[in-house]
Amino acid sequence: PVVKEQDGKVYNEVTDKEFRYRQRYADLIINPEVREVFRKRA
């Protein structure tokens, strides 16, 4: 997934909560801070 911008607004699948929860594997690839959350949980 990639960030898309139109008219100054950001349209990004990876900031969409449902996308991130459903495709956690993509979320973890794109957002290193998410990987850190689960390291802290562990």
All heavy atoms as atom14 arrays in JSON, in Angstrom:
{
  "sequence": "PVVKEQDGKVYNEVTDKEFRYRQRYADLIINPEVREVFRKRA",
  "atom14_mask": [
    [1, 1, 1, 1, 1, 1, 1, 0, 0, 0, 0, 0, 0, 0],
    [1, 1, 1, 1, 1, 1, 1, 0, 0, 0, 0, 0, 0, 0],
    [1, 1, 1, 1, 1, 1, 1, 0, 0, 0, 0, 0, 0, 0],
    [1, 1, 1, 1, 1, 1, 1, 1, 1, 0, 0, 0, 0, 0],
    [1, 1, 1, 1, 1, 1, 1, 1, 1, 0, 0, 0, 0, 0],
    [1, 1, 1, 1, 1, 1, 1, 1, 1, 0, 0, 0, 0, 0],
    [1, 1, 1, 1, 1, 1, 1, 1, 0, 0, 0, 0, 0, 0],
    [1, 1, 1, 1, 0, 0, 0, 0, 0, 0, 0, 0, 0, 0],
    [1, 1, 1, 1, 1, 1, 1, 1, 1, 0, 0, 0, 0, 0],
    [1, 1, 1, 1, 1, 1, 1, 0, 0, 0, 0, 0, 0, 0],
    [1, 1, 1, 1, 1, 1, 1, 1, 1, 1, 1, 1, 0, 0],
    [1, 1, 1, 1, 1, 1, 1, 1, 0, 0, 0, 0, 0, 0],
    [1, 1, 1, 1, 1, 1, 1, 1, 1, 0, 0, 0, 0, 0],
    [1, 1, 1, 1, 1, 1, 1, 0, 0, 0, 0, 0, 0, 0],
    [1, 1, 1, 1, 1, 1, 1, 0, 0, 0, 0, 0, 0, 0],
    [1, 1, 1, 1, 1, 1, 1, 1, 0, 0, 0, 0, 0, 0],
    [1, 1, 1, 1, 1, 1, 1, 1, 1, 0, 0, 0, 0, 0],
    [1, 1, 1, 1, 1, 1, 1, 1, 1, 0, 0, 0, 0, 0],
    [1, 1, 1, 1, 1, 1, 1, 1, 1, 1, 1, 0, 0, 0],
    [1, 1, 1, 1, 1, 1, 1, 1, 1, 1, 1, 0, 0, 0],
    [1, 1, 1, 1, 1, 1, 1, 1, 1, 1, 1, 1, 0, 0],
    [1, 1, 1, 1, 1, 1, 1, 1, 1, 1, 1, 0, 0, 0],
    [1, 1, 1, 1, 1, 1, 1, 1, 1, 0, 0, 0, 0, 0],
    [1, 1, 1, 1, 1, 1, 1, 1, 1, 1, 1, 0, 0, 0],
    [1, 1, 1, 1, 1, 1, 1, 1, 1, 1, 1, 1, 0, 0],
    [1, 1, 1, 1, 1, 0, 0, 0, 0, 0, 0, 0, 0, 0],
    [1, 1, 1, 1, 1, 1, 1, 1, 0, 0, 0, 0, 0, 0],
    [1, 1, 1, 1, 1, 1, 1, 1, 0, 0, 0, 0, 0, 0],
    [1, 1, 1, 1, 1, 1, 1, 1, 0, 0, 0, 0, 0, 0],
    [1, 1, 1, 1, 1, 1, 1, 1, 0, 0, 0, 0, 0, 0],
    [1, 1, 1, 1, 1, 1, 1, 1, 0, 0, 0, 0, 0, 0],
    [1, 1, 1, 1, 1, 1, 1, 0, 0, 0, 0, 0, 0, 0],
    [1, 1, 1, 1, 1, 1, 1, 1, 1, 0, 0, 0, 0, 0],
    [1, 1, 1, 1, 1, 1, 1, 0, 0, 0, 0, 0, 0, 0],
    [1, 1, 1, 1, 1, 1, 1, 1, 1, 1, 1, 0, 0, 0],
    [1, 1, 1, 1, 1, 1, 1, 1, 1, 0, 0, 0, 0, 0],
    [1, 1, 1, 1, 1, 1, 1, 0, 0, 0, 0, 0, 0, 0],
    [1, 1, 1, 1, 1, 1, 1, 1, 1, 1, 1, 0, 0, 0],
    [1, 1, 1, 1, 1, 1, 1, 1, 1, 1, 1, 0, 0, 0],
    [1, 1, 1, 1, 1, 1, 1, 1, 1, 0, 0, 0, 0, 0],
    [1, 1, 1, 1, 1, 1, 1, 1, 1, 1, 1, 0, 0, 0],
    [1, 1, 1, 1, 1, 0, 0, 0, 0, 0, 0, 0, 0, 0]
  ],
  "atom14_positions": [
    [[0.85, -1.21, 0.0], [0.0, 0.0, 0.0], [0.87, 1.25, 0.0], [1.95, 1.28, 0.6], [-0.78, -0.12, 1.31], [-0.67, -1.55, 1.71], [0.63, -2.04, 1.19], [0.0, 0.0, 0.0], [0.0, 0.0, 0.0], [0.0, 0.0, 0.0], [0.0, 0.0, 0.0], [0.0, 0.0, 0.0], [0.0, 0.0, 0.0], [0.0, 0.0, 0.0]],
    [[0.39, 2.27, -0.67], [1.15, 3.52, -0.74], [0.25, 4.69, -0.36], [-0.97, 4.63, -0.44], [1.72, 3.76, -2.16], [2.74, 2.71, -2.51], [0.59, 3.76, -3.19], [0.0, 0.0, 0.0], [0.0, 0.0, 0.0], [0.0, 0.0, 0.0], [0.0, 0.0, 0.0], [0.0, 0.0, 0.0], [0.0, 0.0, 0.0], [0.0, 0.0, 0.0]],
    [[0.88, 5.77, 0.05], [0.17, 7.0, 0.4], [-0.25, 7.72, -0.88], [0.53, 7.84, -1.82], [1.06, 7.91, 1.26], [0.35, 9.22, 1.55], [1.46, 7.2, 2.54], [0.0, 0.0, 0.0], [0.0, 0.0, 0.0], [0.0, 0.0, 0.0], [0.0, 0.0, 0.0], [0.0, 0.0, 0.0], [0.0, 0.0, 0.0], [0.0, 0.0, 0.0]],
    [[-1.49, 8.19, -0.89], [-1.99, 8.96, -2.03], [-2.48, 10.32, -1.52], [-3.13, 10.38, -0.48], [-3.12, 8.22, -2.72], [-2.73, 6.85, -3.26], [-3.92, 6.12, -3.85], [-3.52, 4.73, -4.32], [-4.67, 3.98, -4.87], [0.0, 0.0, 0.0], [0.0, 0.0, 0.0], [0.0, 0.0, 0.0], [0.0, 0.0, 0.0], [0.0, 0.0, 0.0]],
    [[-2.18, 11.37, -2.25], [-2.62, 12.71, -1.88], [-3.45, 13.32, -3.0], [-3.14, 13.16, -4.17], [-1.43, 13.61, -1.56], [-0.67, 13.21, -0.31], [0.33, 14.27, 0.1], [0.1, 15.46, -0.23], [1.33, 13.92, 0.73], [0.0, 0.0, 0.0], [0.0, 0.0, 0.0], [0.0, 0.0, 0.0], [0.0, 0.0, 0.0], [0.0, 0.0, 0.0]],
    [[-4.51, 14.0, -2.59], [-5.35, 14.71, -3.56], [-5.95, 15.94, -2.88], [-6.55, 15.83, -1.8], [-6.46, 13.79, -4.08], [-7.32, 14.45, -5.15], [-8.35, 13.47, -5.72], [-8.29, 12.28, -5.47], [-9.28, 14.0, -6.48], [0.0, 0.0, 0.0], [0.0, 0.0, 0.0], [0.0, 0.0, 0.0], [0.0, 0.0, 0.0], [0.0, 0.0, 0.0]],
    [[-5.73, 17.09, -3.48], [-6.25, 18.35, -2.95], [-5.79, 18.58, -1.5], [-6.55, 19.05, -0.66], [-7.79, 18.37, -3.02], [-8.3, 18.26, -4.45], [-7.6, 18.76, -5.35], [-9.38, 17.67, -4.64], [0.0, 0.0, 0.0], [0.0, 0.0, 0.0], [0.0, 0.0, 0.0], [0.0, 0.0, 0.0], [0.0, 0.0, 0.0], [0.0, 0.0, 0.0]],
    [[-4.55, 18.2, -1.23], [-4.0, 18.43, 0.1], [-4.42, 17.42, 1.14], [-3.99, 17.5, 2.29], [0.0, 0.0, 0.0], [0.0, 0.0, 0.0], [0.0, 0.0, 0.0], [0.0, 0.0, 0.0], [0.0, 0.0, 0.0], [0.0, 0.0, 0.0], [0.0, 0.0, 0.0], [0.0, 0.0, 0.0], [0.0, 0.0, 0.0], [0.0, 0.0, 0.0]],
    [[-5.25, 16.44, 0.78], [-5.7, 15.42, 1.72], [-4.96, 14.11, 1.44], [-4.7, 13.77, 0.29], [-7.2, 15.2, 1.62], [-8.03, 16.39, 2.09], [-9.52, 16.05, 2.07], [-10.36, 17.22, 2.57], [-11.81, 16.91, 2.55], [0.0, 0.0, 0.0], [0.0, 0.0, 0.0], [0.0, 0.0, 0.0], [0.0, 0.0, 0.0], [0.0, 0.0, 0.0]],
    [[-4.65, 13.39, 2.51], [-3.94, 12.13, 2.39], [-4.94, 10.98, 2.4], [-5.78, 10.88, 3.28], [-2.92, 11.95, 3.55], [-2.27, 10.58, 3.48], [-1.87, 13.05, 3.48], [0.0, 0.0, 0.0], [0.0, 0.0, 0.0], [0.0, 0.0, 0.0], [0.0, 0.0, 0.0], [0.0, 0.0, 0.0], [0.0, 0.0, 0.0], [0.0, 0.0, 0.0]],
    [[-4.84, 10.13, 1.37], [-5.66, 8.93, 1.3], [-4.7, 7.75, 1.35], [-3.94, 7.51, 0.43], [-6.47, 8.91, 0.01], [-7.39, 10.09, -0.14], [-6.95, 11.27, -0.73], [-8.69, 10.04, 0.34], [-7.79, 12.37, -0.85], [-9.54, 11.13, 0.22], [-9.08, 12.29, -0.37], [-9.92, 13.36, -0.48], [0.0, 0.0, 0.0], [0.0, 0.0, 0.0]],
    [[-4.75, 7.02, 2.43], [-3.72, 6.01, 2.67], [-4.37, 4.78, 3.3], [-4.9, 4.85, 4.4], [-2.64, 6.58, 3.59], [-1.52, 5.58, 3.83], [-1.49, 4.52, 3.23], [-0.63, 5.93, 4.72], [0.0, 0.0, 0.0], [0.0, 0.0, 0.0], [0.0, 0.0, 0.0], [0.0, 0.0, 0.0], [0.0, 0.0, 0.0], [0.0, 0.0, 0.0]],
    [[-4.31, 3.64, 2.61], [-4.87, 2.42, 3.16], [-4.27, 2.1, 4.53], [-4.93, 1.55, 5.39], [-4.6, 1.25, 2.21], [-5.49, 1.22, 0.99], [-5.2, 0.01, 0.12], [-4.01, -0.25, -0.13], [-6.14, -0.66, -0.28], [0.0, 0.0, 0.0], [0.0, 0.0, 0.0], [0.0, 0.0, 0.0], [0.0, 0.0, 0.0], [0.0, 0.0, 0.0]],
    [[-3.0, 2.43, 4.71], [-2.31, 2.02, 5.92], [-2.68, 2.89, 7.11], [-2.34, 2.6, 8.23], [-0.79, 1.99, 5.68], [-0.04, 1.47, 6.87], [-0.49, 1.12, 4.47], [0.0, 0.0, 0.0], [0.0, 0.0, 0.0], [0.0, 0.0, 0.0], [0.0, 0.0, 0.0], [0.0, 0.0, 0.0], [0.0, 0.0, 0.0], [0.0, 0.0, 0.0]],
    [[-3.39, 3.99, 6.89], [-3.93, 4.73, 8.03], [-5.39, 4.38, 8.27], [-5.98, 4.85, 9.23], [-3.8, 6.25, 7.81], [-4.55, 6.61, 6.64], [-2.35, 6.66, 7.64], [0.0, 0.0, 0.0], [0.0, 0.0, 0.0], [0.0, 0.0, 0.0], [0.0, 0.0, 0.0], [0.0, 0.0, 0.0], [0.0, 0.0, 0.0], [0.0, 0.0, 0.0]],
    [[-5.95, 3.55, 7.43], [-7.33, 3.09, 7.61], [-7.33, 1.95, 8.62], [-6.69, 0.91, 8.42], [-7.9, 2.61, 6.28], [-9.31, 2.08, 6.44], [-10.23, 2.89, 6.56], [-9.47, 0.84, 6.46], [0.0, 0.0, 0.0], [0.0, 0.0, 0.0], [0.0, 0.0, 0.0], [0.0, 0.0, 0.0], [0.0, 0.0, 0.0], [0.0, 0.0, 0.0]],
    [[-8.05, 2.14, 9.72], [-7.99, 1.19, 10.83], [-8.41, -0.21, 10.39], [-7.76, -1.2, 10.72], [-8.89, 1.67, 11.98], [-8.34, 2.87, 12.74], [-7.14, 2.48, 13.57], [-6.72, 3.62, 14.5], [-5.56, 3.25, 15.33], [0.0, 0.0, 0.0], [0.0, 0.0, 0.0], [0.0, 0.0, 0.0], [0.0, 0.0, 0.0], [0.0, 0.0, 0.0]],
    [[-9.51, -0.32, 9.67], [-9.98, -1.66, 9.31], [-8.98, -2.37, 8.42], [-8.73, -3.56, 8.58], [-11.35, -1.59, 8.63], [-11.89, -2.97, 8.3], [-13.33, -2.97, 7.86], [-14.04, -1.98, 8.14], [-13.75, -3.96, 7.24], [0.0, 0.0, 0.0], [0.0, 0.0, 0.0], [0.0, 0.0, 0.0], [0.0, 0.0, 0.0], [0.0, 0.0, 0.0]],
    [[-8.4, -1.62, 7.47], [-7.37, -2.22, 6.63], [-6.21, -2.74, 7.47], [-5.72, -3.85, 7.27], [-6.86, -1.2, 5.6], [-5.71, -1.71, 4.77], [-5.94, -2.39, 3.59], [-4.4, -1.5, 5.19], [-4.86, -2.87, 2.83], [-3.34, -1.97, 4.43], [-3.57, -2.66, 3.26], [0.0, 0.0, 0.0], [0.0, 0.0, 0.0], [0.0, 0.0, 0.0]],
    [[-5.78, -1.93, 8.42], [-4.63, -2.31, 9.24], [-4.93, -3.54, 10.09], [-4.08, -4.42, 10.23], [-4.21, -1.14, 10.13], [-3.62, 0.03, 9.38], [-3.3, 1.17, 10.31], [-2.46, 0.71, 11.41], [-2.31, 1.37, 12.55], [-2.97, 2.5, 12.76], [-1.53, 0.89, 13.49], [0.0, 0.0, 0.0], [0.0, 0.0, 0.0], [0.0, 0.0, 0.0]],
    [[-6.12, -3.6, 10.69], [-6.46, -4.76, 11.51], [-6.64, -6.01, 10.66], [-6.27, -7.11, 11.06], [-7.74, -4.49, 12.3], [-7.69, -3.3, 13.22], [-8.83, -2.54, 13.46], [-6.51, -2.93, 13.85], [-8.8, -1.44, 14.31], [-6.46, -1.83, 14.68], [-7.61, -1.09, 14.91], [-7.58, 0.0, 15.75], [0.0, 0.0, 0.0], [0.0, 0.0, 0.0]],
    [[-7.23, -5.84, 9.47], [-7.53, -7.0, 8.63], [-6.27, -7.53, 7.94], [-6.1, -8.73, 7.79], [-8.59, -6.61, 7.59], [-9.29, -7.79, 6.97], [-10.39, -7.35, 6.04], [-11.48, -6.67, 6.7], [-12.45, -7.28, 7.39], [-12.43, -8.58, 7.52], [-13.42, -6.58, 7.96], [0.0, 0.0, 0.0], [0.0, 0.0, 0.0], [0.0, 0.0, 0.0]],
    [[-5.42, -6.61, 7.51], [-4.17, -7.01, 6.86], [-3.0, -6.58, 7.74], [-2.2, -5.72, 7.37], [-4.07, -6.39, 5.47], [-5.15, -6.85, 4.51], [-4.89, -6.44, 3.08], [-3.75, -6.36, 2.63], [-5.95, -6.16, 2.35], [0.0, 0.0, 0.0], [0.0, 0.0, 0.0], [0.0, 0.0, 0.0], [0.0, 0.0, 0.0], [0.0, 0.0, 0.0]],
    [[-2.93, -7.17, 8.91], [-1.9, -6.79, 9.87], [-0.5, -6.97, 9.29], [0.43, -6.22, 9.62], [-2.05, -7.6, 11.16], [-1.06, -7.23, 12.24], [-1.29, -5.8, 12.76], [-2.3, -5.79, 13.8], [-2.78, -4.68, 14.35], [-2.35, -3.5, 13.95], [-3.69, -4.74, 15.29], [0.0, 0.0, 0.0], [0.0, 0.0, 0.0], [0.0, 0.0, 0.0]],
    [[-0.33, -7.97, 8.44], [0.98, -8.2, 7.83], [1.44, -6.98, 7.04], [2.61, -6.58, 7.12], [0.92, -9.44, 6.93], [-0.4, -9.64, 6.23], [-0.68, -9.0, 5.03], [-1.4, -10.43, 6.79], [-1.9, -9.14, 4.39], [-2.62, -10.59, 6.17], [-2.88, -9.95, 4.96], [-4.09, -10.08, 4.34], [0.0, 0.0, 0.0], [0.0, 0.0, 0.0]],
    [[0.52, -6.35, 6.28], [0.89, -5.13, 5.55], [1.14, -3.98, 6.5], [2.05, -3.17, 6.31], [-0.22, -4.77, 4.55], [0.0, 0.0, 0.0], [0.0, 0.0, 0.0], [0.0, 0.0, 0.0], [0.0, 0.0, 0.0], [0.0, 0.0, 0.0], [0.0, 0.0, 0.0], [0.0, 0.0, 0.0], [0.0, 0.0, 0.0], [0.0, 0.0, 0.0]],
    [[0.32, -3.88, 7.55], [0.49, -2.85, 8.57], [1.88, -2.93, 9.18], [2.57, -1.92, 9.36], [-0.6, -3.04, 9.63], [-0.6, -1.97, 10.7], [-0.18, -0.83, 10.41], [-1.02, -2.27, 11.83], [0.0, 0.0, 0.0], [0.0, 0.0, 0.0], [0.0, 0.0, 0.0], [0.0, 0.0, 0.0], [0.0, 0.0, 0.0], [0.0, 0.0, 0.0]],
    [[2.32, -4.14, 9.51], [3.63, -4.32, 10.13], [4.77, -3.97, 9.18], [5.8, -3.46, 9.61], [3.77, -5.77, 10.62], [2.84, -6.19, 11.76], [2.87, -7.7, 11.95], [3.2, -5.48, 13.06], [0.0, 0.0, 0.0], [0.0, 0.0, 0.0], [0.0, 0.0, 0.0], [0.0, 0.0, 0.0], [0.0, 0.0, 0.0], [0.0, 0.0, 0.0]],
    [[4.59, -4.26, 7.89], [5.62, -3.91, 6.91], [5.79, -2.41, 6.81], [6.9, -1.87, 6.83], [5.27, -4.49, 5.52], [5.32, -6.02, 5.53], [6.24, -3.95, 4.46], [4.74, -6.65, 4.28], [0.0, 0.0, 0.0], [0.0, 0.0, 0.0], [0.0, 0.0, 0.0], [0.0, 0.0, 0.0], [0.0, 0.0, 0.0], [0.0, 0.0, 0.0]],
    [[4.67, -1.7, 6.7], [4.71, -0.27, 6.4], [4.97, 0.58, 7.65], [5.62, 1.63, 7.57], [3.38, 0.17, 5.75], [3.17, -0.59, 4.44], [3.34, 1.66, 5.52], [4.22, -0.3, 3.39], [0.0, 0.0, 0.0], [0.0, 0.0, 0.0], [0.0, 0.0, 0.0], [0.0, 0.0, 0.0], [0.0, 0.0, 0.0], [0.0, 0.0, 0.0]],
    [[4.48, 0.15, 8.79], [4.55, 0.98, 10.01], [5.47, 0.34, 11.05], [5.03, -0.49, 11.84], [3.15, 1.16, 10.6], [2.24, 1.97, 9.69], [2.65, 3.01, 9.18], [1.03, 1.5, 9.48], [0.0, 0.0, 0.0], [0.0, 0.0, 0.0], [0.0, 0.0, 0.0], [0.0, 0.0, 0.0], [0.0, 0.0, 0.0], [0.0, 0.0, 0.0]],
    [[6.74, 0.73, 11.1], [7.65, 0.15, 12.08], [7.22, 0.41, 13.52], [7.52, -0.38, 14.42], [9.01, 0.8, 11.77], [8.68, 2.02, 10.96], [7.42, 1.69, 10.22], [0.0, 0.0, 0.0], [0.0, 0.0, 0.0], [0.0, 0.0, 0.0], [0.0, 0.0, 0.0], [0.0, 0.0, 0.0], [0.0, 0.0, 0.0], [0.0, 0.0, 0.0]],
    [[6.48, 1.53, 13.75], [6.03, 1.81, 15.11], [5.02, 0.78, 15.6], [4.89, 0.53, 16.81], [5.43, 3.22, 15.2], [4.13, 3.43, 14.44], [4.33, 3.79, 12.98], [5.48, 3.67, 12.47], [3.34, 4.21, 12.33], [0.0, 0.0, 0.0], [0.0, 0.0, 0.0], [0.0, 0.0, 0.0], [0.0, 0.0, 0.0], [0.0, 0.0, 0.0]],
    [[4.31, 0.14, 14.67], [3.37, -0.92, 15.06], [4.15, -2.15, 15.53], [3.79, -2.8, 16.51], [2.43, -1.28, 13.89], [1.54, -2.46, 14.25], [1.58, -0.07, 13.53], [0.0, 0.0, 0.0], [0.0, 0.0, 0.0], [0.0, 0.0, 0.0], [0.0, 0.0, 0.0], [0.0, 0.0, 0.0], [0.0, 0.0, 0.0], [0.0, 0.0, 0.0]],
    [[5.24, -2.48, 14.83], [6.07, -3.59, 15.29], [6.6, -3.32, 16.69], [6.69, -4.23, 17.52], [7.24, -3.8, 14.32], [6.8, -4.23, 12.93], [7.93, -4.92, 12.17], [9.09, -4.07, 11.99], [9.24, -3.19, 10.98], [8.27, -3.05, 10.09], [10.33, -2.48, 10.88], [0.0, 0.0, 0.0], [0.0, 0.0, 0.0], [0.0, 0.0, 0.0]],
    [[6.91, -2.07, 16.99], [7.42, -1.73, 18.32], [6.35, -1.91, 19.38], [6.65, -2.31, 20.51], [7.95, -0.3, 18.33], [8.58, 0.13, 19.64], [9.76, -0.73, 20.06], [10.42, -1.34, 19.18], [10.01, -0.83, 21.27], [0.0, 0.0, 0.0], [0.0, 0.0, 0.0], [0.0, 0.0, 0.0], [0.0, 0.0, 0.0], [0.0, 0.0, 0.0]],
    [[5.09, -1.62, 19.07], [3.99, -1.85, 20.02], [3.97, -3.3, 20.46], [3.86, -3.61, 21.66], [2.63, -1.45, 19.39], [1.47, -2.01, 20.22], [2.52, 0.06, 19.29], [0.0, 0.0, 0.0], [0.0, 0.0, 0.0], [0.0, 0.0, 0.0], [0.0, 0.0, 0.0], [0.0, 0.0, 0.0], [0.0, 0.0, 0.0], [0.0, 0.0, 0.0]],
    [[4.1, -4.21, 19.51], [3.99, -5.63, 19.86], [5.27, -6.16, 20.5], [5.23, -7.13, 21.26], [3.56, -6.43, 18.64], [2.11, -6.15, 18.29], [1.79, -5.26, 17.28], [1.09, -6.73, 19.01], [0.47, -4.96, 16.98], [-0.23, -6.43, 18.73], [-0.54, -5.56, 17.72], [0.0, 0.0, 0.0], [0.0, 0.0, 0.0], [0.0, 0.0, 0.0]],
    [[6.4, -5.52, 20.22], [7.61, -5.86, 20.99], [7.42, -5.46, 22.45], [7.79, -6.21, 23.36], [8.82, -5.15, 20.4], [9.32, -5.72, 19.09], [10.72, -5.2, 18.76], [11.14, -5.62, 17.44], [11.02, -4.88, 16.34], [10.49, -3.66, 16.42], [11.42, -5.32, 15.17], [0.0, 0.0, 0.0], [0.0, 0.0, 0.0], [0.0, 0.0, 0.0]],
    [[6.85, -4.28, 22.68], [6.61, -3.84, 24.06], [5.61, -4.75, 24.76], [5.76, -5.04, 25.95], [6.11, -2.39, 24.08], [7.2, -1.36, 23.89], [6.65, 0.05, 24.1], [7.74, 1.09, 24.04], [7.21, 2.46, 24.28], [0.0, 0.0, 0.0], [0.0, 0.0, 0.0], [0.0, 0.0, 0.0], [0.0, 0.0, 0.0], [0.0, 0.0, 0.0]],
    [[4.58, -5.16, 24.03], [3.61, -6.08, 24.63], [4.3, -7.37, 25.06], [4.08, -7.87, 26.16], [2.49, -6.38, 23.63], [1.46, -7.37, 24.17], [0.49, -7.85, 23.1], [-0.26, -8.98, 23.59], [-1.54, -8.97, 23.91], [-2.24, -7.86, 23.78], [-2.14, -10.05, 24.35], [0.0, 0.0, 0.0], [0.0, 0.0, 0.0], [0.0, 0.0, 0.0]],
    [[5.16, -7.92, 24.19], [5.87, -9.14, 24.53], [6.78, -8.93, 25.74], [6.88, -9.78, 26.63], [6.67, -9.63, 23.33], [0.0, 0.0, 0.0], [0.0, 0.0, 0.0], [0.0, 0.0, 0.0], [0.0, 0.0, 0.0], [0.0, 0.0, 0.0], [0.0, 0.0, 0.0], [0.0, 0.0, 0.0], [0.0, 0.0, 0.0], [0.0, 0.0, 0.0]]
  ]
}
